[in-house]
Amino acid sequence: MTTETTHVLFAFADLAPDTARRVEVAGHAVAVARIGDDIYAIGDTCSHAEVSLSQGWVEPDDCTIECEAHGAQFDLRTGEALTLPATRPVATYQVGVVDGMVVLTLDGTDTGAAQ
């Protein structure tokens, strides 16, 4: 049996399109990114060099985020590392918008490891 916990993060309108923001949720550093009306949540730490992904660039055409340090790109949908120097994925998290608020759900098995 898994236990889900829901965390209300911030108002969706407070996150500009094509940007990301770092949040801490139950011990997880999470990058929440917005592309248009879509929202994504991935582990905030680049798997290559311990750099905050939320400080990088959201690429709306590719649905990716690029690490500002060395240019590694990650798929916002899957967490997959798409370009070198990163070779390992980052975690992804369940996220959505409920009544205008960004809501992240942890399922009790989330460890912050790539899924």
N, C-alpha and C. Protein backbone atom coordinates (compact mmCIF):
# COMPACT_ATOMS: atom_id res chain seq x y z
N MET A 1 0.84 -1.18 0.00
CA MET A 1 0.00 0.00 0.00
C MET A 1 0.88 1.24 0.00
N THR A 2 0.66 2.12 -0.97
CA THR A 2 1.41 3.37 -1.01
C THR A 2 0.55 4.50 -0.48
N THR A 3 1.20 5.43 0.15
CA THR A 3 0.52 6.59 0.69
C THR A 3 0.89 7.80 -0.13
N GLU A 4 -0.09 8.45 -0.70
CA GLU A 4 0.16 9.67 -1.47
C GLU A 4 0.03 10.88 -0.56
N THR A 5 0.94 11.83 -0.77
CA THR A 5 0.84 13.11 -0.09
C THR A 5 0.83 14.20 -1.14
N THR A 6 -0.08 15.13 -0.96
CA THR A 6 -0.23 16.23 -1.91
C THR A 6 0.29 17.50 -1.27
N HIS A 7 1.04 18.26 -2.07
CA HIS A 7 1.66 19.50 -1.60
C HIS A 7 1.26 20.64 -2.53
N VAL A 8 0.59 21.65 -1.98
CA VAL A 8 0.26 22.84 -2.75
C VAL A 8 1.50 23.73 -2.74
N LEU A 9 2.01 24.09 -3.94
CA LEU A 9 3.29 24.78 -4.03
C LEU A 9 3.15 26.29 -4.16
N PHE A 10 2.42 26.75 -5.17
CA PHE A 10 2.26 28.19 -5.43
C PHE A 10 1.20 28.36 -6.51
N ALA A 11 0.79 29.60 -6.74
CA ALA A 11 -0.21 29.87 -7.78
C ALA A 11 0.41 29.66 -9.15
N PHE A 12 -0.30 28.97 -10.03
CA PHE A 12 0.17 28.71 -11.38
C PHE A 12 0.53 30.02 -12.09
N ALA A 13 -0.26 31.05 -11.88
CA ALA A 13 -0.03 32.34 -12.53
C ALA A 13 1.29 32.98 -12.08
N ASP A 14 1.84 32.55 -10.96
CA ASP A 14 3.10 33.11 -10.46
C ASP A 14 4.33 32.55 -11.17
N LEU A 15 4.15 31.56 -12.02
CA LEU A 15 5.26 30.99 -12.78
C LEU A 15 5.08 31.39 -14.24
N ALA A 16 5.97 32.24 -14.72
CA ALA A 16 5.87 32.73 -16.09
C ALA A 16 6.08 31.58 -17.08
N PRO A 17 5.44 31.65 -18.24
CA PRO A 17 5.65 30.61 -19.25
C PRO A 17 7.14 30.51 -19.62
N ASP A 18 7.56 29.28 -19.89
CA ASP A 18 8.93 28.98 -20.34
C ASP A 18 9.98 29.32 -19.29
N THR A 19 9.61 29.15 -18.03
CA THR A 19 10.54 29.33 -16.92
C THR A 19 10.41 28.17 -15.95
N ALA A 20 11.34 28.12 -14.99
CA ALA A 20 11.31 27.09 -13.95
C ALA A 20 11.58 27.74 -12.61
N ARG A 21 11.16 27.05 -11.57
CA ARG A 21 11.36 27.51 -10.19
C ARG A 21 11.72 26.32 -9.33
N ARG A 22 12.65 26.53 -8.39
CA ARG A 22 13.03 25.47 -7.45
C ARG A 22 12.12 25.52 -6.23
N VAL A 23 11.68 24.34 -5.80
CA VAL A 23 10.93 24.20 -4.56
C VAL A 23 11.51 23.02 -3.78
N GLU A 24 11.36 23.07 -2.48
CA GLU A 24 11.74 21.95 -1.61
C GLU A 24 10.45 21.31 -1.12
N VAL A 25 10.30 20.01 -1.36
CA VAL A 25 9.10 19.29 -0.97
C VAL A 25 9.51 18.01 -0.27
N ALA A 26 9.22 17.92 1.00
CA ALA A 26 9.48 16.69 1.77
C ALA A 26 10.89 16.16 1.54
N GLY A 27 11.87 17.06 1.56
CA GLY A 27 13.25 16.65 1.39
C GLY A 27 13.71 16.50 -0.05
N HIS A 28 12.86 16.80 -1.00
CA HIS A 28 13.18 16.71 -2.42
C HIS A 28 13.39 18.11 -2.99
N ALA A 29 14.49 18.33 -3.68
CA ALA A 29 14.69 19.57 -4.44
C ALA A 29 14.07 19.33 -5.81
N VAL A 30 13.07 20.12 -6.16
CA VAL A 30 12.29 19.90 -7.37
C VAL A 30 12.31 21.16 -8.23
N ALA A 31 12.54 20.99 -9.53
CA ALA A 31 12.41 22.07 -10.50
C ALA A 31 11.01 21.95 -11.11
N VAL A 32 10.20 22.98 -10.92
CA VAL A 32 8.87 23.02 -11.51
C VAL A 32 8.96 23.96 -12.71
N ALA A 33 8.61 23.44 -13.88
CA ALA A 33 8.73 24.21 -15.11
C ALA A 33 7.36 24.35 -15.78
N ARG A 34 7.20 25.49 -16.44
CA ARG A 34 5.96 25.76 -17.17
C ARG A 34 6.27 26.00 -18.64
N ILE A 35 5.50 25.33 -19.49
CA ILE A 35 5.53 25.59 -20.92
C ILE A 35 4.07 25.81 -21.33
N GLY A 36 3.74 27.03 -21.69
CA GLY A 36 2.35 27.36 -22.01
C GLY A 36 1.47 27.09 -20.81
N ASP A 37 0.46 26.24 -20.98
CA ASP A 37 -0.42 25.87 -19.88
C ASP A 37 -0.05 24.53 -19.26
N ASP A 38 1.09 23.96 -19.68
CA ASP A 38 1.54 22.67 -19.15
C ASP A 38 2.57 22.89 -18.05
N ILE A 39 2.57 21.99 -17.07
CA ILE A 39 3.47 22.09 -15.91
C ILE A 39 4.20 20.76 -15.76
N TYR A 40 5.47 20.83 -15.38
CA TYR A 40 6.31 19.64 -15.23
C TYR A 40 7.11 19.76 -13.94
N ALA A 41 7.49 18.63 -13.38
CA ALA A 41 8.32 18.64 -12.17
C ALA A 41 9.38 17.54 -12.29
N ILE A 42 10.63 17.96 -12.16
CA ILE A 42 11.75 17.02 -12.22
C ILE A 42 12.72 17.34 -11.08
N GLY A 43 13.60 16.41 -10.80
CA GLY A 43 14.64 16.67 -9.80
C GLY A 43 15.42 17.90 -10.20
N ASP A 44 15.70 18.77 -9.24
CA ASP A 44 16.33 20.06 -9.55
C ASP A 44 17.84 19.98 -9.71
N THR A 45 18.45 18.88 -9.38
CA THR A 45 19.91 18.81 -9.43
C THR A 45 20.38 18.05 -10.66
N CYS A 46 21.18 18.72 -11.48
CA CYS A 46 21.74 18.09 -12.68
C CYS A 46 22.50 16.83 -12.28
N SER A 47 22.29 15.76 -13.02
CA SER A 47 22.95 14.49 -12.70
C SER A 47 24.43 14.49 -13.08
N HIS A 48 24.88 15.53 -13.72
CA HIS A 48 26.28 15.62 -14.10
C HIS A 48 27.12 16.38 -13.08
N ALA A 49 26.61 17.53 -12.59
CA ALA A 49 27.51 18.40 -11.82
C ALA A 49 26.88 19.13 -10.64
N GLU A 50 25.85 18.56 -10.04
CA GLU A 50 25.28 19.14 -8.82
C GLU A 50 24.90 20.61 -8.98
N VAL A 51 24.31 20.97 -10.11
CA VAL A 51 23.89 22.33 -10.39
C VAL A 51 22.37 22.35 -10.45
N SER A 52 21.76 23.44 -9.97
CA SER A 52 20.31 23.57 -9.97
C SER A 52 19.78 23.73 -11.39
N LEU A 53 18.94 22.79 -11.81
CA LEU A 53 18.37 22.87 -13.16
C LEU A 53 17.40 24.04 -13.30
N SER A 54 16.75 24.43 -12.22
CA SER A 54 15.79 25.53 -12.30
C SER A 54 16.47 26.86 -12.65
N GLN A 55 17.78 26.92 -12.52
CA GLN A 55 18.52 28.12 -12.89
C GLN A 55 18.87 28.13 -14.38
N GLY A 56 18.56 27.04 -15.06
CA GLY A 56 18.87 26.91 -16.48
C GLY A 56 17.76 27.48 -17.35
N TRP A 57 17.68 26.98 -18.59
CA TRP A 57 16.76 27.50 -19.58
C TRP A 57 15.75 26.45 -19.97
N VAL A 58 14.47 26.84 -19.95
CA VAL A 58 13.39 25.98 -20.41
C VAL A 58 13.26 26.17 -21.92
N GLU A 59 13.29 25.07 -22.65
CA GLU A 59 13.19 25.08 -24.11
C GLU A 59 11.81 24.56 -24.51
N PRO A 60 10.86 25.46 -24.80
CA PRO A 60 9.49 25.02 -25.04
C PRO A 60 9.32 24.15 -26.29
N ASP A 61 10.11 24.38 -27.33
CA ASP A 61 9.95 23.60 -28.55
C ASP A 61 10.31 22.13 -28.37
N ASP A 62 11.25 21.86 -27.46
CA ASP A 62 11.71 20.49 -27.22
C ASP A 62 11.19 19.90 -25.92
N CYS A 63 10.49 20.70 -25.12
CA CYS A 63 10.02 20.28 -23.78
C CYS A 63 11.21 19.80 -22.94
N THR A 64 12.26 20.64 -22.90
CA THR A 64 13.46 20.30 -22.16
C THR A 64 13.86 21.45 -21.25
N ILE A 65 14.80 21.15 -20.37
CA ILE A 65 15.45 22.16 -19.56
C ILE A 65 16.95 21.95 -19.73
N GLU A 66 17.68 23.05 -19.87
CA GLU A 66 19.12 22.99 -20.09
C GLU A 66 19.86 23.50 -18.86
N CYS A 67 20.81 22.72 -18.39
CA CYS A 67 21.62 23.09 -17.25
C CYS A 67 22.51 24.27 -17.63
N GLU A 68 22.55 25.27 -16.77
CA GLU A 68 23.33 26.47 -17.08
C GLU A 68 24.84 26.23 -17.01
N ALA A 69 25.28 25.22 -16.31
CA ALA A 69 26.71 25.03 -16.12
C ALA A 69 27.42 24.46 -17.35
N HIS A 70 26.90 23.37 -17.88
CA HIS A 70 27.61 22.69 -18.97
C HIS A 70 26.72 22.36 -20.17
N GLY A 71 25.47 22.81 -20.15
CA GLY A 71 24.59 22.64 -21.31
C GLY A 71 23.88 21.32 -21.44
N ALA A 72 23.95 20.46 -20.43
CA ALA A 72 23.21 19.20 -20.50
C ALA A 72 21.71 19.50 -20.56
N GLN A 73 20.99 18.76 -21.40
CA GLN A 73 19.55 18.94 -21.52
C GLN A 73 18.83 17.71 -20.99
N PHE A 74 17.68 17.97 -20.35
CA PHE A 74 16.84 16.91 -19.78
C PHE A 74 15.43 17.07 -20.29
N ASP A 75 14.80 15.94 -20.62
CA ASP A 75 13.40 15.92 -21.03
C ASP A 75 12.54 16.20 -19.81
N LEU A 76 11.69 17.22 -19.89
CA LEU A 76 10.84 17.57 -18.75
C LEU A 76 9.76 16.52 -18.49
N ARG A 77 9.42 15.72 -19.49
CA ARG A 77 8.38 14.70 -19.32
C ARG A 77 8.90 13.44 -18.65
N THR A 78 10.15 13.07 -18.96
CA THR A 78 10.68 11.79 -18.51
C THR A 78 11.89 11.90 -17.58
N GLY A 79 12.54 13.06 -17.55
CA GLY A 79 13.76 13.23 -16.77
C GLY A 79 15.00 12.69 -17.48
N GLU A 80 14.83 12.13 -18.68
CA GLU A 80 15.94 11.53 -19.41
C GLU A 80 16.98 12.59 -19.77
N ALA A 81 18.26 12.23 -19.58
CA ALA A 81 19.36 13.08 -20.02
C ALA A 81 19.47 12.94 -21.53
N LEU A 82 19.38 14.07 -22.24
CA LEU A 82 19.36 14.04 -23.70
C LEU A 82 20.69 14.40 -24.34
N THR A 83 21.52 15.15 -23.61
CA THR A 83 22.80 15.57 -24.17
C THR A 83 23.90 15.43 -23.13
N LEU A 84 25.10 15.24 -23.63
CA LEU A 84 26.28 15.22 -22.76
C LEU A 84 26.53 16.63 -22.24
N PRO A 85 27.14 16.76 -21.09
CA PRO A 85 27.88 15.73 -20.39
C PRO A 85 27.03 14.86 -19.46
N ALA A 86 25.75 15.13 -19.30
CA ALA A 86 24.91 14.29 -18.44
C ALA A 86 24.61 12.98 -19.15
N THR A 87 24.66 11.89 -18.39
CA THR A 87 24.34 10.58 -18.94
C THR A 87 23.26 9.86 -18.13
N ARG A 88 22.97 10.37 -16.93
CA ARG A 88 21.97 9.76 -16.06
C ARG A 88 20.72 10.64 -15.99
N PRO A 89 19.54 10.05 -15.92
CA PRO A 89 18.31 10.83 -15.82
C PRO A 89 18.16 11.46 -14.43
N VAL A 90 17.21 12.37 -14.33
CA VAL A 90 16.81 12.92 -13.03
C VAL A 90 15.38 12.46 -12.75
N ALA A 91 14.99 12.54 -11.51
CA ALA A 91 13.65 12.09 -11.11
C ALA A 91 12.57 12.95 -11.74
N THR A 92 11.41 12.35 -11.91
CA THR A 92 10.22 13.09 -12.31
C THR A 92 9.17 12.93 -11.22
N TYR A 93 8.28 13.90 -11.14
CA TYR A 93 7.26 13.90 -10.10
C TYR A 93 5.90 14.21 -10.71
N GLN A 94 4.84 13.71 -10.05
CA GLN A 94 3.47 14.00 -10.46
C GLN A 94 3.17 15.44 -10.08
N VAL A 95 2.71 16.22 -11.06
CA VAL A 95 2.39 17.62 -10.79
C VAL A 95 1.20 18.01 -11.67
N GLY A 96 0.41 18.93 -11.18
CA GLY A 96 -0.74 19.42 -11.93
C GLY A 96 -1.19 20.75 -11.38
N VAL A 97 -2.28 21.24 -11.95
CA VAL A 97 -2.86 22.51 -11.51
C VAL A 97 -4.28 22.22 -11.03
N VAL A 98 -4.55 22.60 -9.79
CA VAL A 98 -5.87 22.41 -9.19
C VAL A 98 -6.33 23.76 -8.65
N ASP A 99 -7.46 24.22 -9.15
CA ASP A 99 -8.01 25.51 -8.72
C ASP A 99 -6.98 26.63 -8.78
N GLY A 100 -6.18 26.63 -9.85
CA GLY A 100 -5.20 27.68 -10.07
C GLY A 100 -3.91 27.54 -9.28
N MET A 101 -3.77 26.44 -8.53
CA MET A 101 -2.57 26.23 -7.73
C MET A 101 -1.78 25.04 -8.27
N VAL A 102 -0.45 25.16 -8.27
CA VAL A 102 0.41 24.05 -8.67
C VAL A 102 0.47 23.07 -7.50
N VAL A 103 0.15 21.81 -7.79
CA VAL A 103 0.07 20.77 -6.77
C VAL A 103 0.98 19.62 -7.17
N LEU A 104 1.85 19.22 -6.25
CA LEU A 104 2.76 18.10 -6.46
C LEU A 104 2.34 16.95 -5.57
N THR A 105 2.31 15.74 -6.12
CA THR A 105 1.92 14.56 -5.37
C THR A 105 3.09 13.61 -5.26
N LEU A 106 3.44 13.23 -4.05
CA LEU A 106 4.44 12.19 -3.81
C LEU A 106 3.69 10.93 -3.45
N ASP A 107 4.10 9.79 -4.01
CA ASP A 107 3.33 8.57 -3.82
C ASP A 107 3.82 7.67 -2.69
N GLY A 108 4.74 8.16 -1.89
CA GLY A 108 5.23 7.36 -0.77
C GLY A 108 6.42 6.52 -1.14
N THR A 109 6.63 6.31 -2.44
CA THR A 109 7.82 5.57 -2.88
C THR A 109 8.84 6.51 -3.52
N ASP A 110 8.48 7.80 -3.65
CA ASP A 110 9.41 8.76 -4.25
C ASP A 110 10.63 8.90 -3.37
N THR A 111 11.78 8.66 -3.96
CA THR A 111 13.03 8.75 -3.22
C THR A 111 13.92 9.87 -3.72
N GLY A 112 13.48 10.54 -4.79
CA GLY A 112 14.32 11.55 -5.40
C GLY A 112 15.24 10.96 -6.44
N ALA A 113 15.21 9.64 -6.60
CA ALA A 113 16.02 8.97 -7.61
C ALA A 113 15.26 9.00 -8.93
N ALA A 114 15.97 8.87 -10.00
CA ALA A 114 15.33 8.86 -11.31
C ALA A 114 14.39 7.67 -11.41
N GLN A 115 13.25 7.90 -12.02
CA GLN A 115 12.23 6.87 -12.14
C GLN A 115 12.25 6.27 -13.52
